[in-house]
Amino acid sequence: MVKFSIGGSLREFQDIIGRIYGVPDDRLYSIWDLLSNQERFTMRALKGIRKGDKKKLNANLMISFSWLMALANRLHIGVDDAVWHRFPMLCSYCGRRPCICRKIHPGRRVPVIRKHSLRPHRLADFQKMFSTIYPPQSRTLAHAGVHLAEEMGEVSEVIHGYLGEHKHKQFEGVKNEVADFISCTFGVASSAKINVARELAKMYYRNCHVCHKAPCACTFSSVARFAS
């Protein structure tokens, strides 16, 4: 049986998604299919924000996050490393904690020094890290949602570019945008008072959260019809 525990790491969660969905994902879905499903459930999460439906927001945010892990697995991107490289306990743009981008409006990214002793070990620690860099009280849930939508668009754009030209620089851009999307996922969750690790542990307590099998036995058609 495959399950995620509340004290698990981001790396462990990505591995669990691979163990549950790796085989059916490789057989049933192209990269475009994986990206489309990530987009679909991200938009459903944002609809939850618009309607004030926290249950809808919660469920779809977790599913969107899971599809992102599947996409990262297909592209062989280690999300734990990608996030830490992009956000070494500091804003990726102004290089400060908490972020002061709104005050100083930096024109370019500031070089940062990574203090590896500060690196988060658990998935829950990453959510705490992002709450420290981008305090949830500094913005509304709606604003956090707009930022998540922007990053979804940027993930899609950079993947389209990479698959069109296959340049190393573009692939590095994919890793950065994946990290940005994860930061925004945690940002929305913190603004909505959602504990991501706890919700993922509840969702993945026994293999696939729908069919409860590993590997997942859900069909392409049933996944296409699935809504939460």
C-alpha atoms as a PDB file:
ATOM      1  CA  MET A   1       0.000   0.000   0.000  1.00  0.00           C
ATOM      2  CA  VAL A   2       1.222   3.492  -0.862  1.00  0.00           C
ATOM      3  CA  LYS A   3       0.377   6.416   1.382  1.00  0.00           C
ATOM      4  CA  PHE A   4       1.628   9.880   2.248  1.00  0.00           C
ATOM      5  CA  SER A   5       2.133  10.820   5.880  1.00  0.00           C
ATOM      6  CA  ILE A   6       1.627  14.304   7.285  1.00  0.00           C
ATOM      7  CA  GLY A   7       5.308  14.438   8.226  1.00  0.00           C
ATOM      8  CA  GLY A   8       6.492  13.448   4.747  1.00  0.00           C
ATOM      9  CA  SER A   9       8.788  15.468   2.525  1.00  0.00           C
ATOM     10  CA  LEU A  10       8.108  17.118  -0.818  1.00  0.00           C
ATOM     11  CA  ARG A  11      10.481  14.599  -2.366  1.00  0.00           C
ATOM     12  CA  GLU A  12       8.510  11.716  -0.830  1.00  0.00           C
ATOM     13  CA  PHE A  13       5.236  13.094  -2.142  1.00  0.00           C
ATOM     14  CA  GLN A  14       6.623  13.343  -5.667  1.00  0.00           C
ATOM     15  CA  ASP A  15       7.865   9.757  -5.374  1.00  0.00           C
ATOM     16  CA  ILE A  16       4.451   8.570  -4.138  1.00  0.00           C
ATOM     17  CA  ILE A  17       2.736  10.179  -7.136  1.00  0.00           C
ATOM     18  CA  GLY A  18       5.195   8.301  -9.350  1.00  0.00           C
ATOM     19  CA  ARG A  19       4.526   4.991  -7.611  1.00  0.00           C
ATOM     20  CA  ILE A  20       0.744   5.379  -7.885  1.00  0.00           C
ATOM     21  CA  TYR A  21       0.400   7.043 -11.285  1.00  0.00           C
ATOM     22  CA  GLY A  22       3.705   6.524 -13.122  1.00  0.00           C
ATOM     23  CA  VAL A  23       2.663   3.471 -15.128  1.00  0.00           C
ATOM     24  CA  PRO A  24      -0.824   4.669 -16.197  1.00  0.00           C
ATOM     25  CA  ASP A  25       0.520   8.182 -16.850  1.00  0.00           C
ATOM     26  CA  ASP A  26       3.174   6.796 -19.209  1.00  0.00           C
ATOM     27  CA  ARG A  27       0.627   4.606 -20.995  1.00  0.00           C
ATOM     28  CA  LEU A  28      -2.321   6.984 -21.195  1.00  0.00           C
ATOM     29  CA  TYR A  29      -1.111  10.583 -21.143  1.00  0.00           C
ATOM     30  CA  SER A  30       1.132  12.782 -23.234  1.00  0.00           C
ATOM     31  CA  ILE A  31       2.875  15.772 -21.650  1.00  0.00           C
ATOM     32  CA  TRP A  32       0.078  17.900 -23.110  1.00  0.00           C
ATOM     33  CA  ASP A  33      -2.518  15.709 -21.360  1.00  0.00           C
ATOM     34  CA  LEU A  34      -0.716  16.072 -18.025  1.00  0.00           C
ATOM     35  CA  LEU A  35      -0.462  19.826 -18.478  1.00  0.00           C
ATOM     36  CA  SER A  36      -4.121  20.059 -19.493  1.00  0.00           C
ATOM     37  CA  ASN A  37      -5.233  18.258 -16.349  1.00  0.00           C
ATOM     38  CA  GLN A  38      -3.059  20.467 -14.170  1.00  0.00           C
ATOM     39  CA  GLU A  39      -4.648  23.509 -15.799  1.00  0.00           C
ATOM     40  CA  ARG A  40      -8.139  22.053 -15.449  1.00  0.00           C
ATOM     41  CA  PHE A  41      -7.926  21.484 -11.721  1.00  0.00           C
ATOM     42  CA  THR A  42      -6.097  24.760 -11.109  1.00  0.00           C
ATOM     43  CA  MET A  43      -9.011  26.581 -12.740  1.00  0.00           C
ATOM     44  CA  ARG A  44     -11.480  24.599 -10.644  1.00  0.00           C
ATOM     45  CA  ALA A  45      -9.567  25.629  -7.520  1.00  0.00           C
ATOM     46  CA  LEU A  46      -9.790  29.257  -8.591  1.00  0.00           C
ATOM     47  CA  LYS A  47     -13.512  28.814  -9.145  1.00  0.00           C
ATOM     48  CA  GLY A  48     -13.695  27.714  -5.510  1.00  0.00           C
ATOM     49  CA  ILE A  49     -12.110  31.028  -4.515  1.00  0.00           C
ATOM     50  CA  ARG A  50     -14.571  33.012  -6.624  1.00  0.00           C
ATOM     51  CA  LYS A  51     -17.563  31.166  -5.175  1.00  0.00           C
ATOM     52  CA  GLY A  52     -16.281  31.210  -1.613  1.00  0.00           C
ATOM     53  CA  ASP A  53     -16.334  27.402  -1.580  1.00  0.00           C
ATOM     54  CA  LYS A  54     -13.356  26.310   0.526  1.00  0.00           C
ATOM     55  CA  LYS A  55     -14.128  22.608   0.054  1.00  0.00           C
ATOM     56  CA  LYS A  56     -13.960  23.001  -3.733  1.00  0.00           C
ATOM     57  CA  LEU A  57     -10.800  25.088  -3.466  1.00  0.00           C
ATOM     58  CA  ASN A  58      -9.130  22.570  -1.159  1.00  0.00           C
ATOM     59  CA  ALA A  59      -9.883  19.436  -3.183  1.00  0.00           C
ATOM     60  CA  ASN A  60      -8.978  20.906  -6.554  1.00  0.00           C
ATOM     61  CA  LEU A  61      -5.817  22.615  -5.295  1.00  0.00           C
ATOM     62  CA  MET A  62      -4.539  19.281  -4.010  1.00  0.00           C
ATOM     63  CA  ILE A  63      -5.411  17.518  -7.285  1.00  0.00           C
ATOM     64  CA  SER A  64      -3.738  20.272  -9.335  1.00  0.00           C
ATOM     65  CA  PHE A  65      -0.633  19.925  -7.157  1.00  0.00           C
ATOM     66  CA  SER A  66      -0.666  16.171  -7.800  1.00  0.00           C
ATOM     67  CA  TRP A  67      -0.837  16.626 -11.573  1.00  0.00           C
ATOM     68  CA  LEU A  68       2.111  19.009 -11.318  1.00  0.00           C
ATOM     69  CA  MET A  69       4.097  16.246  -9.613  1.00  0.00           C
ATOM     70  CA  ALA A  70       3.144  13.877 -12.461  1.00  0.00           C
ATOM     71  CA  LEU A  71       4.329  16.454 -14.987  1.00  0.00           C
ATOM     72  CA  ALA A  72       7.606  16.924 -13.084  1.00  0.00           C
ATOM     73  CA  ASN A  73       8.080  13.146 -12.981  1.00  0.00           C
ATOM     74  CA  ARG A  74       7.625  12.911 -16.746  1.00  0.00           C
ATOM     75  CA  LEU A  75      10.238  15.633 -17.259  1.00  0.00           C
ATOM     76  CA  HIS A  76      12.552  14.191 -14.574  1.00  0.00           C
ATOM     77  CA  ILE A  77      12.508  17.355 -12.489  1.00  0.00           C
ATOM     78  CA  GLY A  78      13.177  16.958  -8.770  1.00  0.00           C
ATOM     79  CA  VAL A  79      10.757  19.470  -7.325  1.00  0.00           C
ATOM     80  CA  ASP A  80      12.414  19.614  -3.900  1.00  0.00           C
ATOM     81  CA  ASP A  81      15.703  20.722  -5.465  1.00  0.00           C
ATOM     82  CA  ALA A  82      13.982  23.049  -7.945  1.00  0.00           C
ATOM     83  CA  VAL A  83      12.064  24.843  -5.195  1.00  0.00           C
ATOM     84  CA  TRP A  84      15.084  25.217  -2.937  1.00  0.00           C
ATOM     85  CA  HIS A  85      17.232  26.511  -5.810  1.00  0.00           C
ATOM     86  CA  ARG A  86      14.581  29.101  -6.638  1.00  0.00           C
ATOM     87  CA  PHE A  87      13.579  29.992  -3.074  1.00  0.00           C
ATOM     88  CA  PRO A  88      16.480  29.503  -0.623  1.00  0.00           C
ATOM     89  CA  MET A  89      14.385  30.849   2.293  1.00  0.00           C
ATOM     90  CA  LEU A  90      14.314  34.133   0.338  1.00  0.00           C
ATOM     91  CA  CYS A  91      12.154  35.794  -2.313  1.00  0.00           C
ATOM     92  CA  SER A  92      13.441  34.706  -5.716  1.00  0.00           C
ATOM     93  CA  TYR A  93      13.318  38.296  -6.974  1.00  0.00           C
ATOM     94  CA  CYS A  94      14.282  40.770  -4.247  1.00  0.00           C
ATOM     95  CA  GLY A  95      16.310  38.239  -2.258  1.00  0.00           C
ATOM     96  CA  ARG A  96      14.693  39.229   1.044  1.00  0.00           C
ATOM     97  CA  ARG A  97      12.595  37.592   3.740  1.00  0.00           C
ATOM     98  CA  PRO A  98       9.870  38.748   3.953  1.00  0.00           C
ATOM     99  CA  CYS A  99       9.589  39.878   0.345  1.00  0.00           C
ATOM    100  CA  ILE A 100       9.805  43.643  -0.216  1.00  0.00           C
ATOM    101  CA  CYS A 101       9.200  43.640  -3.981  1.00  0.00           C
ATOM    102  CA  ARG A 102       6.112  45.840  -3.628  1.00  0.00           C
ATOM    103  CA  LYS A 103       8.162  48.499  -1.867  1.00  0.00           C
ATOM    104  CA  ILE A 104      11.317  48.579  -3.968  1.00  0.00           C
ATOM    105  CA  HIS A 105      10.010  47.324  -7.359  1.00  0.00           C
ATOM    106  CA  PRO A 106      13.282  45.585  -8.353  1.00  0.00           C
ATOM    107  CA  GLY A 107      14.082  45.643 -12.060  1.00  0.00           C
ATOM    108  CA  ARG A 108      15.999  42.368 -12.008  1.00  0.00           C
ATOM    109  CA  ARG A 109      16.553  39.364  -9.783  1.00  0.00           C
ATOM    110  CA  VAL A 110      19.057  39.803  -6.983  1.00  0.00           C
ATOM    111  CA  PRO A 111      21.771  37.123  -6.611  1.00  0.00           C
ATOM    112  CA  VAL A 112      21.219  35.096  -3.440  1.00  0.00           C
ATOM    113  CA  ILE A 113      23.369  33.019  -1.096  1.00  0.00           C
ATOM    114  CA  ARG A 114      21.900  29.675  -0.098  1.00  0.00           C
ATOM    115  CA  LYS A 115      22.263  28.708   3.549  1.00  0.00           C
ATOM    116  CA  HIS A 116      21.653  24.980   3.344  1.00  0.00           C
ATOM    117  CA  SER A 117      21.135  24.709   7.100  1.00  0.00           C
ATOM    118  CA  LEU A 118      17.832  26.545   6.521  1.00  0.00           C
ATOM    119  CA  ARG A 119      16.598  24.119   3.845  1.00  0.00           C
ATOM    120  CA  PRO A 120      13.158  22.661   4.695  1.00  0.00           C
ATOM    121  CA  HIS A 121      13.004  18.911   5.236  1.00  0.00           C
ATOM    122  CA  ARG A 122       9.255  18.229   5.338  1.00  0.00           C
ATOM    123  CA  LEU A 123       6.559  19.296   2.895  1.00  0.00           C
ATOM    124  CA  ALA A 124       4.916  21.186   5.772  1.00  0.00           C
ATOM    125  CA  ASP A 125       8.182  23.077   6.302  1.00  0.00           C
ATOM    126  CA  PHE A 126       8.040  24.350   2.723  1.00  0.00           C
ATOM    127  CA  GLN A 127       4.596  25.814   3.418  1.00  0.00           C
ATOM    128  CA  LYS A 128       5.999  27.500   6.529  1.00  0.00           C
ATOM    129  CA  MET A 129       8.941  28.812   4.519  1.00  0.00           C
ATOM    130  CA  PHE A 130       6.691  30.421   1.932  1.00  0.00           C
ATOM    131  CA  SER A 131       4.505  31.925   4.655  1.00  0.00           C
ATOM    132  CA  THR A 132       7.646  33.553   6.030  1.00  0.00           C
ATOM    133  CA  ILE A 133       8.782  34.854   2.643  1.00  0.00           C
ATOM    134  CA  TYR A 134       5.294  35.915   1.509  1.00  0.00           C
ATOM    135  CA  PRO A 135       3.172  36.471   4.653  1.00  0.00           C
ATOM    136  CA  PRO A 136      -0.460  35.511   3.901  1.00  0.00           C
ATOM    137  CA  GLN A 137      -1.748  38.520   5.854  1.00  0.00           C
ATOM    138  CA  SER A 138      -0.059  40.803   3.313  1.00  0.00           C
ATOM    139  CA  ARG A 139      -2.547  39.874   0.567  1.00  0.00           C
ATOM    140  CA  THR A 140      -6.078  38.641   0.066  1.00  0.00           C
ATOM    141  CA  LEU A 141      -7.027  35.131  -0.993  1.00  0.00           C
ATOM    142  CA  ALA A 142      -8.287  36.567  -4.289  1.00  0.00           C
ATOM    143  CA  HIS A 143      -4.897  38.176  -4.923  1.00  0.00           C
ATOM    144  CA  ALA A 144      -3.120  34.903  -4.139  1.00  0.00           C
ATOM    145  CA  GLY A 145      -5.469  33.182  -6.599  1.00  0.00           C
ATOM    146  CA  VAL A 146      -4.655  35.674  -9.363  1.00  0.00           C
ATOM    147  CA  HIS A 147      -0.959  35.008  -8.786  1.00  0.00           C
ATOM    148  CA  LEU A 148      -1.570  31.239  -9.049  1.00  0.00           C
ATOM    149  CA  ALA A 149      -3.426  31.748 -12.339  1.00  0.00           C
ATOM    150  CA  GLU A 150      -0.519  33.821 -13.687  1.00  0.00           C
ATOM    151  CA  GLU A 151       1.965  31.099 -12.780  1.00  0.00           C
ATOM    152  CA  MET A 152      -0.191  28.396 -14.379  1.00  0.00           C
ATOM    153  CA  GLY A 153      -0.012  30.380 -17.594  1.00  0.00           C
ATOM    154  CA  GLU A 154       3.754  30.713 -17.293  1.00  0.00           C
ATOM    155  CA  VAL A 155       4.211  26.985 -16.677  1.00  0.00           C
ATOM    156  CA  SER A 156       2.181  26.283 -19.809  1.00  0.00           C
ATOM    157  CA  GLU A 157       4.071  28.857 -21.869  1.00  0.00           C
ATOM    158  CA  VAL A 158       7.549  27.682 -20.896  1.00  0.00           C
ATOM    159  CA  ILE A 159       6.689  24.011 -21.509  1.00  0.00           C
ATOM    160  CA  HIS A 160       5.325  24.882 -24.941  1.00  0.00           C
ATOM    161  CA  GLY A 161       8.563  26.712 -25.692  1.00  0.00           C
ATOM    162  CA  TYR A 162      10.780  23.900 -24.473  1.00  0.00           C
ATOM    163  CA  LEU A 163       8.922  21.194 -26.403  1.00  0.00           C
ATOM    164  CA  GLY A 164       9.173  23.347 -29.524  1.00  0.00           C
ATOM    165  CA  GLU A 165      12.934  23.950 -29.430  1.00  0.00           C
ATOM    166  CA  HIS A 166      14.383  21.657 -26.720  1.00  0.00           C
ATOM    167  CA  LYS A 167      16.989  24.145 -25.503  1.00  0.00           C
ATOM    168  CA  HIS A 168      18.757  23.658 -22.170  1.00  0.00           C
ATOM    169  CA  LYS A 169      17.996  27.247 -21.128  1.00  0.00           C
ATOM    170  CA  GLN A 170      14.297  26.604 -21.738  1.00  0.00           C
ATOM    171  CA  PHE A 171      14.398  23.470 -19.589  1.00  0.00           C
ATOM    172  CA  GLU A 172      15.953  25.488 -16.766  1.00  0.00           C
ATOM    173  CA  GLY A 173      13.037  27.862 -17.240  1.00  0.00           C
ATOM    174  CA  VAL A 174      10.590  24.961 -16.851  1.00  0.00           C
ATOM    175  CA  LYS A 175      12.194  24.065 -13.504  1.00  0.00           C
ATOM    176  CA  ASN A 176      11.936  27.662 -12.323  1.00  0.00           C
ATOM    177  CA  GLU A 177       8.282  27.985 -13.326  1.00  0.00           C
ATOM    178  CA  VAL A 178       7.429  24.680 -11.636  1.00  0.00           C
ATOM    179  CA  ALA A 179       8.997  26.088  -8.464  1.00  0.00           C
ATOM    180  CA  ASP A 180       7.050  29.345  -8.862  1.00  0.00           C
ATOM    181  CA  PHE A 181       3.795  27.436  -9.271  1.00  0.00           C
ATOM    182  CA  ILE A 182       4.507  25.464  -6.105  1.00  0.00           C
ATOM    183  CA  SER A 183       5.206  28.685  -4.212  1.00  0.00           C
ATOM    184  CA  CYS A 184       1.836  30.046  -5.341  1.00  0.00           C
ATOM    185  CA  THR A 185       0.051  26.811  -4.436  1.00  0.00           C
ATOM    186  CA  PHE A 186       1.369  27.136  -0.902  1.00  0.00           C
ATOM    187  CA  GLY A 187       0.486  30.831  -0.991  1.00  0.00           C
ATOM    188  CA  VAL A 188      -3.159  30.144  -1.828  1.00  0.00           C
ATOM    189  CA  ALA A 189      -3.284  27.367   0.753  1.00  0.00           C
ATOM    190  CA  SER A 190      -1.887  29.587   3.508  1.00  0.00           C
ATOM    191  CA  SER A 191      -4.260  32.430   2.620  1.00  0.00           C
ATOM    192  CA  ALA A 192      -7.177  29.959   2.819  1.00  0.00           C
ATOM    193  CA  LYS A 193      -5.790  28.383   6.038  1.00  0.00           C
ATOM    194  CA  ILE A 194      -5.313  25.005   4.323  1.00  0.00           C
ATOM    195  CA  ASN A 195      -2.609  22.711   5.696  1.00  0.00           C
ATOM    196  CA  VAL A 196      -1.277  21.137   2.505  1.00  0.00           C
ATOM    197  CA  ALA A 197       0.557  18.236   4.170  1.00  0.00           C
ATOM    198  CA  ARG A 198      -2.491  17.316   6.221  1.00  0.00           C
ATOM    199  CA  GLU A 199      -4.822  17.438   3.225  1.00  0.00           C
ATOM    200  CA  LEU A 200      -2.496  15.341   1.071  1.00  0.00           C
ATOM    201  CA  ALA A 201      -2.178  12.793   3.880  1.00  0.00           C
ATOM    202  CA  LYS A 202      -5.982  12.575   4.032  1.00  0.00           C
ATOM    203  CA  MET A 203      -6.228  12.249   0.247  1.00  0.00           C
ATOM    204  CA  TYR A 204      -3.437   9.704  -0.215  1.00  0.00           C
ATOM    205  CA  TYR A 205      -4.032   7.447   2.774  1.00  0.00           C
ATOM    206  CA  ARG A 206      -4.456   4.394   0.544  1.00  0.00           C
ATOM    207  CA  ASN A 207      -3.017   4.509  -2.956  1.00  0.00           C
ATOM    208  CA  CYS A 208      -4.964   6.484  -5.612  1.00  0.00           C
ATOM    209  CA  HIS A 209      -7.437   8.845  -3.985  1.00  0.00           C
ATOM    210  CA  VAL A 210     -10.179   7.705  -6.386  1.00  0.00           C
ATOM    211  CA  CYS A 211      -9.785   3.967  -7.088  1.00  0.00           C
ATOM    212  CA  HIS A 212      -7.502   3.231  -4.083  1.00  0.00           C
ATOM    213  CA  LYS A 213      -5.198   1.075  -6.179  1.00  0.00           C
ATOM    214  CA  ALA A 214      -1.482   1.294  -6.902  1.00  0.00           C
ATOM    215  CA  PRO A 215      -0.772   1.486  -9.749  1.00  0.00           C
ATOM    216  CA  CYS A 216      -3.916   3.531 -10.339  1.00  0.00           C
ATOM    217  CA  ALA A 217      -6.593   1.682 -12.334  1.00  0.00           C
ATOM    218  CA  CYS A 218      -8.675   4.728 -13.326  1.00  0.00           C
ATOM    219  CA  THR A 219      -9.352   4.837 -17.062  1.00  0.00           C
ATOM    220  CA  PHE A 220      -8.596   7.767 -19.348  1.00  0.00           C
ATOM    221  CA  SER A 221     -12.341   8.390 -19.772  1.00  0.00           C
ATOM    222  CA  SER A 222     -13.110   8.286 -16.058  1.00  0.00           C
ATOM    223  CA  VAL A 223     -10.324  10.768 -15.333  1.00  0.00           C
ATOM    224  CA  ALA A 224     -11.603  13.059 -18.106  1.00  0.00           C
ATOM    225  CA  ARG A 225     -15.039  13.052 -16.448  1.00  0.00           C
ATOM    226  CA  PHE A 226     -13.735  13.427 -12.890  1.00  0.00           C
ATOM    227  CA  ALA A 227     -14.675  16.632 -11.100  1.00  0.00           C
ATOM    228  CA  SER A 228     -14.292  17.623  -7.479  1.00  0.00           C
END
